[in-house]
Amino acid sequence: MSSNMQQNIKVWDPLIRIFHWSLVGFFTLAYLTEGEDEWMNIHSYAGYSILTLLVFRLLWGVIGTHHARFINFVTRPSIAWAYLKELFTGKAKDYIGHNPAGALMIVALILSIGFTGFSGMALYATDGQGPLATSFFASWPEGALKEVHEFFANFSLFLIVTHVGGVIVSSLLHKENLVKAMLTGKKQRPLIQQDEHQ
């Protein structure tokens, strides 16, 4: 059998793809409307949507499809670091699902974006608005909450830029289109290598 025969392998289920691109859209909307009073309603609802998406992702990471489950891709930071070193020497293993560095980035993004959203809700509560308005968070110092919210928003943006850079580098080095894979849910692999990447 010819080694250049290709097959499409299903990797990302529809819910993961919808989650991913919805998160991209809502984060962009929330970031662009940050600090603009006339856009506060849009900003806050974008934030609620992001937190809802994150709750879904945490749930789907436990009960979802194979490549969506955290247990099947989250690993130690040392393994992610070793993968990055191997990647730039051309010796990195090819992963069907998330590679170790991508897995670490997913965890970091979930945490950072989660802190961004929660601190935003707490900040909104200091004005008597939102679901936390009657909680003890409403009495927290507004200035400190604003600094925390802005820090995590900007840190999340930094992680996103780093993530996009990693996707580009990995796509080039492994000669695959990872963006297309997140749109179609499929990756192409040589037919004879199917069992090597399960």
N, C-alpha and C. Protein backbone atom coordinates (compact mmCIF):
# COMPACT_ATOMS: atom_id res chain seq x y z
N MET A 1 0.86 -1.21 0.00
CA MET A 1 0.00 0.00 0.00
C MET A 1 0.88 1.25 0.00
N SER A 2 0.58 2.21 -0.82
CA SER A 2 1.40 3.41 -0.94
C SER A 2 1.40 4.21 0.34
N SER A 3 2.60 4.69 0.71
CA SER A 3 2.73 5.43 1.97
C SER A 3 2.17 6.83 1.88
N ASN A 4 1.87 7.32 0.62
CA ASN A 4 1.34 8.69 0.51
C ASN A 4 -0.18 8.73 0.44
N MET A 5 -0.83 7.60 0.60
CA MET A 5 -2.29 7.59 0.65
C MET A 5 -2.75 8.24 1.94
N GLN A 6 -3.72 9.14 1.82
CA GLN A 6 -4.18 9.90 2.98
C GLN A 6 -5.59 9.48 3.38
N GLN A 7 -5.85 9.65 4.66
CA GLN A 7 -7.20 9.42 5.16
C GLN A 7 -7.59 10.58 6.06
N ASN A 8 -8.87 10.88 6.12
CA ASN A 8 -9.38 11.89 7.05
C ASN A 8 -9.75 11.21 8.36
N ILE A 9 -9.21 11.75 9.45
CA ILE A 9 -9.49 11.20 10.77
C ILE A 9 -10.31 12.23 11.56
N LYS A 10 -11.44 11.81 12.09
CA LYS A 10 -12.26 12.70 12.91
C LYS A 10 -11.58 12.94 14.25
N VAL A 11 -11.39 14.21 14.56
CA VAL A 11 -10.69 14.57 15.80
C VAL A 11 -11.58 15.43 16.70
N TRP A 12 -12.01 16.58 16.18
CA TRP A 12 -12.76 17.53 17.00
C TRP A 12 -14.25 17.41 16.70
N ASP A 13 -15.03 17.09 17.73
CA ASP A 13 -16.47 16.95 17.55
C ASP A 13 -17.13 18.33 17.35
N PRO A 14 -18.35 18.36 16.84
CA PRO A 14 -19.00 19.65 16.55
C PRO A 14 -19.11 20.57 17.76
N LEU A 15 -19.35 20.02 18.95
CA LEU A 15 -19.49 20.88 20.12
C LEU A 15 -18.18 21.56 20.49
N ILE A 16 -17.06 20.85 20.34
CA ILE A 16 -15.76 21.45 20.62
C ILE A 16 -15.49 22.59 19.64
N ARG A 17 -15.83 22.37 18.38
CA ARG A 17 -15.58 23.40 17.37
C ARG A 17 -16.47 24.62 17.59
N ILE A 18 -17.73 24.39 17.94
CA ILE A 18 -18.63 25.51 18.24
C ILE A 18 -18.13 26.27 19.47
N PHE A 19 -17.70 25.53 20.49
CA PHE A 19 -17.14 26.16 21.69
C PHE A 19 -15.95 27.04 21.33
N HIS A 20 -15.02 26.49 20.58
CA HIS A 20 -13.78 27.18 20.25
C HIS A 20 -14.04 28.50 19.53
N TRP A 21 -14.81 28.45 18.45
CA TRP A 21 -15.02 29.66 17.66
C TRP A 21 -15.97 30.64 18.34
N SER A 22 -16.89 30.14 19.16
CA SER A 22 -17.76 31.04 19.95
C SER A 22 -16.92 31.77 20.99
N LEU A 23 -15.97 31.06 21.60
CA LEU A 23 -15.10 31.71 22.59
C LEU A 23 -14.25 32.79 21.92
N VAL A 24 -13.75 32.50 20.73
CA VAL A 24 -12.99 33.50 19.98
C VAL A 24 -13.84 34.75 19.76
N GLY A 25 -15.07 34.55 19.31
CA GLY A 25 -15.95 35.68 19.01
C GLY A 25 -16.33 36.48 20.24
N PHE A 26 -16.74 35.79 21.29
CA PHE A 26 -17.18 36.51 22.50
C PHE A 26 -16.02 37.18 23.23
N PHE A 27 -14.84 36.56 23.23
CA PHE A 27 -13.70 37.21 23.86
C PHE A 27 -13.32 38.48 23.10
N THR A 28 -13.32 38.38 21.78
CA THR A 28 -13.02 39.57 20.96
C THR A 28 -14.01 40.69 21.24
N LEU A 29 -15.30 40.33 21.29
CA LEU A 29 -16.33 41.32 21.57
C LEU A 29 -16.16 41.94 22.95
N ALA A 30 -15.89 41.10 23.94
CA ALA A 30 -15.72 41.60 25.31
C ALA A 30 -14.49 42.50 25.42
N TYR A 31 -13.40 42.10 24.77
CA TYR A 31 -12.17 42.89 24.87
C TYR A 31 -12.32 44.25 24.18
N LEU A 32 -13.00 44.26 23.05
CA LEU A 32 -13.15 45.52 22.31
C LEU A 32 -14.12 46.49 22.98
N THR A 33 -15.02 45.98 23.81
CA THR A 33 -16.00 46.85 24.49
C THR A 33 -15.60 47.15 25.93
N GLU A 34 -14.41 46.71 26.34
CA GLU A 34 -13.93 46.96 27.71
C GLU A 34 -13.74 48.45 27.96
N GLY A 35 -14.29 48.92 29.07
CA GLY A 35 -14.08 50.30 29.49
C GLY A 35 -14.95 51.32 28.79
N GLU A 36 -15.81 50.88 27.90
CA GLU A 36 -16.71 51.80 27.19
C GLU A 36 -18.10 51.74 27.82
N ASP A 37 -18.50 52.82 28.50
CA ASP A 37 -19.76 52.82 29.24
C ASP A 37 -20.96 52.52 28.35
N GLU A 38 -20.94 53.06 27.13
CA GLU A 38 -22.09 52.88 26.25
C GLU A 38 -22.20 51.43 25.74
N TRP A 39 -21.12 50.67 25.90
CA TRP A 39 -21.11 49.28 25.46
C TRP A 39 -21.13 48.30 26.64
N MET A 40 -21.41 48.80 27.83
CA MET A 40 -21.29 47.96 29.03
C MET A 40 -22.23 46.75 28.99
N ASN A 41 -23.46 46.94 28.51
CA ASN A 41 -24.38 45.81 28.44
C ASN A 41 -23.85 44.72 27.51
N ILE A 42 -23.33 45.13 26.36
CA ILE A 42 -22.77 44.17 25.42
C ILE A 42 -21.55 43.49 26.05
N HIS A 43 -20.71 44.28 26.71
CA HIS A 43 -19.51 43.74 27.35
C HIS A 43 -19.87 42.70 28.42
N SER A 44 -20.85 43.03 29.24
CA SER A 44 -21.22 42.12 30.33
C SER A 44 -21.86 40.84 29.79
N TYR A 45 -22.71 40.96 28.78
CA TYR A 45 -23.34 39.76 28.22
C TYR A 45 -22.33 38.88 27.48
N ALA A 46 -21.34 39.53 26.87
CA ALA A 46 -20.26 38.75 26.25
C ALA A 46 -19.50 37.99 27.34
N GLY A 47 -19.29 38.64 28.47
CA GLY A 47 -18.63 37.98 29.59
C GLY A 47 -19.43 36.81 30.14
N TYR A 48 -20.74 36.99 30.29
CA TYR A 48 -21.59 35.88 30.75
C TYR A 48 -21.54 34.71 29.77
N SER A 49 -21.54 35.05 28.48
CA SER A 49 -21.49 34.01 27.45
C SER A 49 -20.17 33.23 27.54
N ILE A 50 -19.08 33.95 27.78
CA ILE A 50 -17.77 33.30 27.92
C ILE A 50 -17.77 32.35 29.10
N LEU A 51 -18.30 32.79 30.25
CA LEU A 51 -18.32 31.93 31.43
C LEU A 51 -19.21 30.71 31.20
N THR A 52 -20.31 30.89 30.49
CA THR A 52 -21.18 29.75 30.15
C THR A 52 -20.43 28.76 29.28
N LEU A 53 -19.69 29.27 28.31
CA LEU A 53 -18.89 28.40 27.44
C LEU A 53 -17.84 27.64 28.25
N LEU A 54 -17.21 28.30 29.21
CA LEU A 54 -16.18 27.65 30.01
C LEU A 54 -16.78 26.54 30.88
N VAL A 55 -17.96 26.78 31.42
CA VAL A 55 -18.63 25.74 32.21
C VAL A 55 -18.92 24.54 31.32
N PHE A 56 -19.39 24.80 30.10
CA PHE A 56 -19.61 23.70 29.16
C PHE A 56 -18.32 22.95 28.89
N ARG A 57 -17.21 23.69 28.67
CA ARG A 57 -15.95 23.03 28.33
C ARG A 57 -15.44 22.16 29.47
N LEU A 58 -15.62 22.63 30.70
CA LEU A 58 -15.21 21.83 31.85
C LEU A 58 -16.02 20.54 31.93
N LEU A 59 -17.32 20.67 31.68
CA LEU A 59 -18.19 19.49 31.68
C LEU A 59 -17.83 18.55 30.54
N TRP A 60 -17.66 19.11 29.34
CA TRP A 60 -17.35 18.29 28.18
C TRP A 60 -15.96 17.66 28.28
N GLY A 61 -15.11 18.30 29.06
CA GLY A 61 -13.79 17.76 29.29
C GLY A 61 -13.80 16.52 30.17
N VAL A 62 -14.94 16.24 30.77
CA VAL A 62 -15.09 15.05 31.62
C VAL A 62 -15.92 13.98 30.91
N ILE A 63 -17.00 14.41 30.24
CA ILE A 63 -17.93 13.43 29.66
C ILE A 63 -17.95 13.44 28.13
N GLY A 64 -17.13 14.28 27.52
CA GLY A 64 -17.18 14.44 26.07
C GLY A 64 -16.50 13.34 25.30
N THR A 65 -16.26 13.62 24.02
CA THR A 65 -15.62 12.66 23.13
C THR A 65 -14.15 12.48 23.50
N HIS A 66 -13.53 11.47 22.92
CA HIS A 66 -12.18 11.06 23.31
C HIS A 66 -11.19 12.23 23.35
N HIS A 67 -11.04 12.95 22.26
CA HIS A 67 -10.03 14.01 22.19
C HIS A 67 -10.43 15.26 22.96
N ALA A 68 -11.68 15.33 23.42
CA ALA A 68 -12.13 16.49 24.21
C ALA A 68 -11.87 16.29 25.70
N ARG A 69 -11.70 15.05 26.13
CA ARG A 69 -11.57 14.77 27.56
C ARG A 69 -10.19 15.14 28.08
N PHE A 70 -10.18 15.86 29.20
CA PHE A 70 -8.92 16.31 29.80
C PHE A 70 -7.98 15.14 30.12
N ILE A 71 -8.55 14.05 30.56
CA ILE A 71 -7.74 12.91 30.96
C ILE A 71 -6.93 12.36 29.79
N ASN A 72 -7.36 12.64 28.57
CA ASN A 72 -6.67 12.10 27.39
C ASN A 72 -5.64 13.04 26.80
N PHE A 73 -5.50 14.27 27.35
CA PHE A 73 -4.47 15.14 26.78
C PHE A 73 -3.74 16.02 27.79
N VAL A 74 -4.31 16.30 28.95
CA VAL A 74 -3.62 17.15 29.93
C VAL A 74 -2.48 16.36 30.56
N THR A 75 -1.31 16.97 30.60
CA THR A 75 -0.13 16.31 31.12
C THR A 75 0.69 17.28 31.97
N ARG A 76 1.84 16.84 32.43
CA ARG A 76 2.68 17.68 33.29
C ARG A 76 3.39 18.76 32.47
N PRO A 77 3.66 19.93 33.09
CA PRO A 77 4.39 21.00 32.38
C PRO A 77 5.74 20.54 31.86
N SER A 78 6.42 19.65 32.58
CA SER A 78 7.74 19.17 32.13
C SER A 78 7.64 18.43 30.80
N ILE A 79 6.55 17.71 30.59
CA ILE A 79 6.35 17.00 29.33
C ILE A 79 6.08 18.00 28.20
N ALA A 80 5.32 19.05 28.53
CA ALA A 80 5.06 20.10 27.52
C ALA A 80 6.36 20.79 27.13
N TRP A 81 7.22 21.06 28.10
CA TRP A 81 8.50 21.71 27.82
C TRP A 81 9.39 20.82 26.96
N ALA A 82 9.40 19.52 27.30
CA ALA A 82 10.18 18.57 26.51
C ALA A 82 9.66 18.50 25.08
N TYR A 83 8.35 18.56 24.92
CA TYR A 83 7.75 18.54 23.58
C TYR A 83 8.19 19.76 22.78
N LEU A 84 8.20 20.95 23.42
CA LEU A 84 8.60 22.17 22.72
C LEU A 84 10.05 22.08 22.24
N LYS A 85 10.93 21.54 23.08
CA LYS A 85 12.33 21.38 22.67
C LYS A 85 12.45 20.41 21.50
N GLU A 86 11.67 19.35 21.55
CA GLU A 86 11.69 18.37 20.46
C GLU A 86 11.09 18.96 19.18
N LEU A 87 10.10 19.84 19.35
CA LEU A 87 9.43 20.45 18.19
C LEU A 87 10.42 21.25 17.36
N PHE A 88 11.27 22.01 18.04
CA PHE A 88 12.19 22.89 17.32
C PHE A 88 13.45 22.18 16.86
N THR A 89 13.60 20.92 17.22
CA THR A 89 14.70 20.13 16.69
C THR A 89 14.19 19.13 15.65
N GLY A 90 12.87 19.20 15.37
CA GLY A 90 12.29 18.33 14.36
C GLY A 90 12.07 16.90 14.81
N LYS A 91 12.08 16.66 16.11
CA LYS A 91 11.95 15.30 16.63
C LYS A 91 10.64 15.08 17.40
N ALA A 92 9.76 16.07 17.38
CA ALA A 92 8.53 15.98 18.16
C ALA A 92 7.58 14.96 17.57
N LYS A 93 6.94 14.20 18.44
CA LYS A 93 5.93 13.24 18.02
C LYS A 93 4.73 13.98 17.44
N ASP A 94 4.10 13.39 16.46
CA ASP A 94 2.90 13.96 15.84
C ASP A 94 1.68 13.46 16.61
N TYR A 95 0.89 14.39 17.11
CA TYR A 95 -0.30 14.04 17.88
C TYR A 95 -1.56 14.27 17.05
N ILE A 96 -2.49 13.34 17.14
CA ILE A 96 -3.78 13.53 16.48
C ILE A 96 -4.58 14.59 17.22
N GLY A 97 -4.67 14.47 18.54
CA GLY A 97 -5.37 15.46 19.35
C GLY A 97 -4.42 16.57 19.78
N HIS A 98 -4.65 17.12 20.96
CA HIS A 98 -3.78 18.19 21.46
C HIS A 98 -2.40 17.64 21.80
N ASN A 99 -1.37 18.36 21.37
CA ASN A 99 -0.02 18.01 21.81
C ASN A 99 0.18 18.54 23.23
N PRO A 100 1.25 18.12 23.95
CA PRO A 100 1.42 18.54 25.35
C PRO A 100 1.47 20.05 25.56
N ALA A 101 2.09 20.78 24.63
CA ALA A 101 2.16 22.24 24.77
C ALA A 101 0.78 22.86 24.57
N GLY A 102 0.04 22.36 23.59
CA GLY A 102 -1.31 22.85 23.36
C GLY A 102 -2.22 22.55 24.53
N ALA A 103 -2.03 21.38 25.14
CA ALA A 103 -2.83 21.01 26.31
C ALA A 103 -2.58 21.95 27.47
N LEU A 104 -1.30 22.28 27.70
CA LEU A 104 -0.96 23.21 28.77
C LEU A 104 -1.56 24.59 28.51
N MET A 105 -1.55 25.00 27.25
CA MET A 105 -2.13 26.30 26.89
C MET A 105 -3.64 26.31 27.13
N ILE A 106 -4.31 25.21 26.84
CA ILE A 106 -5.75 25.14 27.07
C ILE A 106 -6.07 25.33 28.54
N VAL A 107 -5.32 24.66 29.41
CA VAL A 107 -5.53 24.81 30.85
C VAL A 107 -5.29 26.25 31.28
N ALA A 108 -4.20 26.85 30.78
CA ALA A 108 -3.88 28.23 31.13
C ALA A 108 -4.96 29.19 30.66
N LEU A 109 -5.47 28.97 29.46
CA LEU A 109 -6.51 29.85 28.92
C LEU A 109 -7.82 29.72 29.70
N ILE A 110 -8.19 28.49 30.03
CA ILE A 110 -9.42 28.30 30.81
C ILE A 110 -9.32 29.02 32.14
N LEU A 111 -8.18 28.89 32.81
CA LEU A 111 -7.99 29.54 34.11
C LEU A 111 -7.98 31.06 33.97
N SER A 112 -7.19 31.57 33.04
CA SER A 112 -7.06 33.02 32.89
C SER A 112 -8.36 33.67 32.44
N ILE A 113 -9.01 33.08 31.43
CA ILE A 113 -10.27 33.65 30.96
C ILE A 113 -11.35 33.50 32.03
N GLY A 114 -11.30 32.41 32.78
CA GLY A 114 -12.25 32.22 33.88
C GLY A 114 -12.09 33.29 34.95
N PHE A 115 -10.84 33.58 35.32
CA PHE A 115 -10.58 34.64 36.30
C PHE A 115 -11.00 36.00 35.75
N THR A 116 -10.81 36.20 34.46
CA THR A 116 -11.23 37.46 33.84
C THR A 116 -12.75 37.63 33.97
N GLY A 117 -13.48 36.59 33.63
CA GLY A 117 -14.93 36.66 33.68
C GLY A 117 -15.47 36.82 35.09
N PHE A 118 -14.90 36.05 36.02
CA PHE A 118 -15.40 36.12 37.40
C PHE A 118 -15.08 37.47 38.04
N SER A 119 -13.86 37.97 37.81
CA SER A 119 -13.51 39.28 38.37
C SER A 119 -14.37 40.38 37.74
N GLY A 120 -14.76 40.19 36.47
CA GLY A 120 -15.65 41.14 35.83
C GLY A 120 -17.02 41.15 36.47
N MET A 121 -17.53 39.95 36.79
CA MET A 121 -18.83 39.88 37.48
C MET A 121 -18.75 40.51 38.86
N ALA A 122 -17.63 40.28 39.56
CA ALA A 122 -17.46 40.88 40.88
C ALA A 122 -17.38 42.40 40.78
N LEU A 123 -16.69 42.89 39.75
CA LEU A 123 -16.59 44.33 39.53
C LEU A 123 -17.96 44.93 39.22
N TYR A 124 -18.73 44.24 38.40
CA TYR A 124 -20.08 44.67 38.05
C TYR A 124 -20.96 44.72 39.30
N ALA A 125 -20.70 43.80 40.23
CA ALA A 125 -21.50 43.74 41.46
C ALA A 125 -21.29 44.96 42.35
N THR A 126 -20.12 45.60 42.25
CA THR A 126 -19.86 46.79 43.07
C THR A 126 -20.75 47.96 42.66
N ASP A 127 -21.33 47.86 41.44
CA ASP A 127 -22.30 48.87 40.98
C ASP A 127 -23.73 48.41 41.19
N GLY A 128 -23.87 47.30 41.92
CA GLY A 128 -25.21 46.76 42.18
C GLY A 128 -25.81 46.05 40.99
N GLN A 129 -24.97 45.60 40.08
CA GLN A 129 -25.43 44.95 38.86
C GLN A 129 -24.97 43.49 38.81
N GLY A 130 -25.70 42.70 38.04
CA GLY A 130 -25.28 41.33 37.78
C GLY A 130 -25.67 40.34 38.86
N PRO A 131 -25.36 39.06 38.62
CA PRO A 131 -25.78 37.98 39.54
C PRO A 131 -25.10 38.01 40.90
N LEU A 132 -23.99 38.75 41.02
CA LEU A 132 -23.28 38.82 42.31
C LEU A 132 -23.62 40.09 43.09
N ALA A 133 -24.61 40.85 42.62
CA ALA A 133 -24.91 42.16 43.22
C ALA A 133 -25.30 42.08 44.68
N THR A 134 -25.92 40.96 45.09
CA THR A 134 -26.34 40.82 46.48
C THR A 134 -25.39 39.96 47.29
N SER A 135 -24.24 39.63 46.71
CA SER A 135 -23.26 38.80 47.41
C SER A 135 -22.22 39.68 48.10
N PHE A 136 -21.33 39.04 48.85
CA PHE A 136 -20.31 39.81 49.57
C PHE A 136 -19.28 40.41 48.60
N PHE A 137 -19.25 39.93 47.35
CA PHE A 137 -18.33 40.50 46.37
C PHE A 137 -18.66 41.96 46.08
N ALA A 138 -19.93 42.33 46.28
CA ALA A 138 -20.35 43.71 46.00
C ALA A 138 -19.67 44.72 46.93
N SER A 139 -19.14 44.25 48.05
CA SER A 139 -18.49 45.16 49.01
C SER A 139 -16.97 45.20 48.82
N TRP A 140 -16.46 44.45 47.86
CA TRP A 140 -15.01 44.46 47.63
C TRP A 140 -14.58 45.79 47.01
N PRO A 141 -13.32 46.19 47.18
CA PRO A 141 -12.84 47.47 46.63
C PRO A 141 -12.90 47.48 45.10
N GLU A 142 -13.59 48.47 44.57
CA GLU A 142 -13.79 48.52 43.12
C GLU A 142 -12.47 48.68 42.37
N GLY A 143 -11.57 49.52 42.90
CA GLY A 143 -10.30 49.76 42.23
C GLY A 143 -9.46 48.50 42.11
N ALA A 144 -9.40 47.72 43.19
CA ALA A 144 -8.61 46.49 43.17
C ALA A 144 -9.20 45.47 42.20
N LEU A 145 -10.54 45.36 42.22
CA LEU A 145 -11.20 44.43 41.31
C LEU A 145 -10.96 44.83 39.85
N LYS A 146 -10.98 46.13 39.58
CA LYS A 146 -10.75 46.60 38.22
C LYS A 146 -9.35 46.24 37.75
N GLU A 147 -8.37 46.37 38.64
CA GLU A 147 -6.99 46.03 38.29
C GLU A 147 -6.85 44.53 38.02
N VAL A 148 -7.50 43.73 38.86
CA VAL A 148 -7.45 42.28 38.67
C VAL A 148 -8.09 41.90 37.33
N HIS A 149 -9.26 42.51 37.08
CA HIS A 149 -9.99 42.21 35.84
C HIS A 149 -9.16 42.59 34.61
N GLU A 150 -8.56 43.76 34.63
CA GLU A 150 -7.77 44.21 33.49
C GLU A 150 -6.51 43.37 33.32
N PHE A 151 -5.89 42.98 34.45
CA PHE A 151 -4.70 42.14 34.36
C PHE A 151 -5.01 40.82 33.66
N PHE A 152 -6.06 40.14 34.11
CA PHE A 152 -6.37 38.83 33.52
C PHE A 152 -6.88 38.95 32.09
N ALA A 153 -7.56 40.06 31.78
CA ALA A 153 -7.99 40.27 30.38
C ALA A 153 -6.78 40.40 29.48
N ASN A 154 -5.80 41.20 29.91
CA ASN A 154 -4.59 41.39 29.10
C ASN A 154 -3.72 40.13 29.09
N PHE A 155 -3.66 39.42 30.21
CA PHE A 155 -2.89 38.18 30.26
C PHE A 155 -3.53 37.14 29.35
N SER A 156 -4.86 37.11 29.34
CA SER A 156 -5.56 36.18 28.44
C SER A 156 -5.25 36.51 26.99
N LEU A 157 -5.22 37.80 26.66
CA LEU A 157 -4.88 38.20 25.30
C LEU A 157 -3.47 37.77 24.94
N PHE A 158 -2.54 37.91 25.90
CA PHE A 158 -1.16 37.46 25.68
C PHE A 158 -1.13 35.95 25.41
N LEU A 159 -1.89 35.18 26.20
CA LEU A 159 -1.94 33.73 25.99
C LEU A 159 -2.53 33.39 24.62
N ILE A 160 -3.56 34.13 24.22
CA ILE A 160 -4.20 33.88 22.92
C ILE A 160 -3.22 34.14 21.79
N VAL A 161 -2.48 35.24 21.86
CA VAL A 161 -1.48 35.55 20.83
C VAL A 161 -0.42 34.46 20.80
N THR A 162 0.02 34.02 21.97
CA THR A 162 1.00 32.93 22.06
C THR A 162 0.43 31.65 21.47
N HIS A 163 -0.84 31.38 21.77
CA HIS A 163 -1.52 30.19 21.25
C HIS A 163 -1.58 30.22 19.72
N VAL A 164 -1.94 31.36 19.16
CA VAL A 164 -2.01 31.49 17.71
C VAL A 164 -0.62 31.28 17.10
N GLY A 165 0.40 31.84 17.75
CA GLY A 165 1.77 31.64 17.28
C GLY A 165 2.16 30.17 17.32
N GLY A 166 1.78 29.49 18.39
CA GLY A 166 2.06 28.06 18.51
C GLY A 166 1.36 27.24 17.45
N VAL A 167 0.13 27.62 17.13
CA VAL A 167 -0.62 26.93 16.08
C VAL A 167 0.08 27.09 14.73
N ILE A 168 0.55 28.30 14.45
CA ILE A 168 1.25 28.55 13.19
C ILE A 168 2.54 27.75 13.10
N VAL A 169 3.34 27.80 14.18
CA VAL A 169 4.62 27.07 14.18
C VAL A 169 4.39 25.57 14.05
N SER A 170 3.45 25.05 14.83
CA SER A 170 3.17 23.62 14.80
C SER A 170 2.64 23.20 13.44
N SER A 171 1.80 24.03 12.84
CA SER A 171 1.26 23.73 11.51
C SER A 171 2.37 23.63 10.47
N LEU A 172 3.32 24.56 10.56
CA LEU A 172 4.43 24.57 9.60
C LEU A 172 5.36 23.39 9.80
N LEU A 173 5.72 23.12 11.05
CA LEU A 173 6.68 22.06 11.32
C LEU A 173 6.10 20.68 11.08
N HIS A 174 4.79 20.51 11.37
CA HIS A 174 4.16 19.21 11.15
C HIS A 174 3.48 19.11 9.79
N LYS A 175 3.54 20.23 9.03
CA LYS A 175 2.95 20.27 7.69
C LYS A 175 1.47 19.90 7.70
N GLU A 176 0.72 20.56 8.58
CA GLU A 176 -0.72 20.35 8.64
C GLU A 176 -1.40 21.68 8.96
N ASN A 177 -2.64 21.82 8.55
CA ASN A 177 -3.40 23.05 8.76
C ASN A 177 -4.29 22.86 9.99
N LEU A 178 -3.81 23.33 11.14
CA LEU A 178 -4.55 23.14 12.38
C LEU A 178 -5.81 24.00 12.44
N VAL A 179 -5.78 25.16 11.80
CA VAL A 179 -6.98 26.01 11.76
C VAL A 179 -8.09 25.31 10.98
N LYS A 180 -7.72 24.74 9.83
CA LYS A 180 -8.70 24.00 9.02
C LYS A 180 -9.26 22.82 9.81
N ALA A 181 -8.39 22.16 10.58
CA ALA A 181 -8.83 21.01 11.38
C ALA A 181 -9.86 21.43 12.43
N MET A 182 -9.70 22.64 12.99
CA MET A 182 -10.68 23.11 13.98
C MET A 182 -11.96 23.58 13.31
N LEU A 183 -11.93 23.80 12.02
CA LEU A 183 -13.15 24.15 11.28
C LEU A 183 -13.90 22.90 10.82
N THR A 184 -13.15 21.93 10.31
CA THR A 184 -13.77 20.72 9.76
C THR A 184 -13.91 19.60 10.77
N GLY A 185 -13.07 19.63 11.81
CA GLY A 185 -13.06 18.56 12.80
C GLY A 185 -12.20 17.38 12.39
N LYS A 186 -11.53 17.49 11.23
CA LYS A 186 -10.78 16.35 10.71
C LYS A 186 -9.32 16.72 10.44
N LYS A 187 -8.46 15.72 10.56
CA LYS A 187 -7.06 15.85 10.18
C LYS A 187 -6.73 14.76 9.17
N GLN A 188 -5.77 15.07 8.33
CA GLN A 188 -5.32 14.08 7.35
C GLN A 188 -4.05 13.41 7.84
N ARG A 189 -4.02 12.10 7.68
CA ARG A 189 -2.84 11.32 8.05
C ARG A 189 -2.61 10.22 7.02
N PRO A 190 -1.35 9.80 6.84
CA PRO A 190 -1.08 8.65 5.97
C PRO A 190 -1.87 7.44 6.45
N LEU A 191 -2.43 6.71 5.54
CA LEU A 191 -3.31 5.60 5.87
C LEU A 191 -2.61 4.55 6.72
N ILE A 192 -1.34 4.28 6.47
CA ILE A 192 -0.65 3.21 7.19
C ILE A 192 -0.32 3.61 8.62
N GLN A 193 -0.48 4.90 8.98
CA GLN A 193 -0.13 5.34 10.32
C GLN A 193 -1.33 5.45 11.24
N GLN A 194 -2.47 4.97 10.82
CA GLN A 194 -3.71 5.15 11.59
C GLN A 194 -3.58 4.64 13.02
N ASP A 195 -3.02 3.45 13.18
CA ASP A 195 -2.98 2.85 14.51
C ASP A 195 -1.90 3.47 15.38
N GLU A 196 -0.94 4.17 14.80
CA GLU A 196 0.17 4.72 15.57
C GLU A 196 -0.22 5.96 16.34
N HIS A 197 -1.35 6.58 16.02
CA HIS A 197 -1.69 7.86 16.63
C HIS A 197 -3.01 7.82 17.39
N GLN A 198 -3.49 6.65 17.75
CA GLN A 198 -4.75 6.57 18.48
C GLN A 198 -4.52 6.96 19.93
